[in-house]
Amino acid sequence: MANFLFVLSHDDNEAASRCFQLAQIAHSKGHKTDIFFINDGVFWANSERDLNVFALFS
C-alpha cells in the first residue's frame, strides 16, 4: 500500500473538510495516512477549540 501525507495549512472549513475526507478515503483503502498541520492549520489540532471563534489573520 502507498503512504499519503496530507498538509493542512489553512484555518478554513472547506480546506479542512477536504483534507480530512481525502485522508479518510485513503486510510479506508488500507493506505498509511498522515496529516501534517502547519501555519493556521494547527488550529484544527486543538480538540478544545471553540468553533464559534475564527482566526483573524491576513
Protein backbone atom coordinates (compact mmCIF):
# COMPACT_ATOMS: atom_id res chain seq x y z
CA MET A 1 0.00 0.00 0.00
CA ALA A 2 1.01 3.61 -0.51
CA ASN A 3 1.91 6.29 2.03
CA PHE A 4 -0.05 9.54 1.94
CA LEU A 5 0.81 12.83 3.64
CA PHE A 6 -1.89 15.49 3.68
CA VAL A 7 -0.81 19.02 4.64
CA LEU A 8 -3.37 21.34 6.20
CA SER A 9 -2.14 24.93 6.26
CA HIS A 10 -5.38 26.96 6.42
CA ASP A 11 -7.93 27.66 9.11
CA ASP A 12 -10.69 27.20 6.57
CA ASN A 13 -13.67 24.85 6.90
CA GLU A 14 -13.68 23.80 3.25
CA ALA A 15 -9.93 23.12 3.11
CA ALA A 16 -10.04 21.18 6.38
CA SER A 17 -13.08 19.15 5.32
CA ARG A 18 -11.44 18.20 2.03
CA CYS A 19 -8.17 17.29 3.74
CA PHE A 20 -9.88 15.07 6.30
CA GLN A 21 -12.15 13.48 3.67
CA LEU A 22 -9.24 12.56 1.41
CA ALA A 23 -7.23 11.24 4.35
CA GLN A 24 -10.20 9.13 5.48
CA ILE A 25 -10.70 7.68 2.00
CA ALA A 26 -7.01 6.76 1.68
CA HIS A 27 -6.99 5.23 5.17
CA SER A 28 -10.15 3.21 4.49
CA LYS A 29 -8.46 1.70 1.44
CA GLY A 30 -5.62 0.46 3.64
CA HIS A 31 -3.03 3.14 2.88
CA LYS A 32 -0.79 4.63 5.57
CA THR A 33 -2.11 8.15 6.07
CA ASP A 34 -0.66 11.12 7.95
CA ILE A 35 -1.93 14.68 8.34
CA PHE A 36 0.60 17.46 8.90
CA PHE A 37 -0.66 20.72 10.38
CA ILE A 38 1.25 23.91 9.56
CA ASN A 39 0.59 27.66 9.83
CA ASP A 40 -3.12 28.32 10.51
CA GLY A 41 -3.90 24.63 10.08
CA VAL A 42 -2.62 23.95 13.60
CA PHE A 43 -5.88 25.33 14.98
CA TRP A 44 -7.60 22.11 13.79
CA ALA A 45 -5.36 20.02 16.07
CA ASN A 46 -6.86 21.64 19.19
CA SER A 47 -9.72 19.39 20.35
CA GLU A 48 -10.85 22.06 22.83
CA ARG A 49 -11.12 24.74 20.14
CA ASP A 50 -14.23 26.92 20.22
CA LEU A 51 -15.52 26.51 16.66
CA ASN A 52 -17.52 29.74 17.02
CA VAL A 53 -14.30 31.79 17.16
CA PHE A 54 -12.46 32.41 13.89
CA ALA A 55 -8.83 33.36 13.35
CA LEU A 56 -8.42 36.91 12.08
CA PHE A 57 -5.11 36.64 10.24
CA SER A 58 -4.49 38.42 6.96
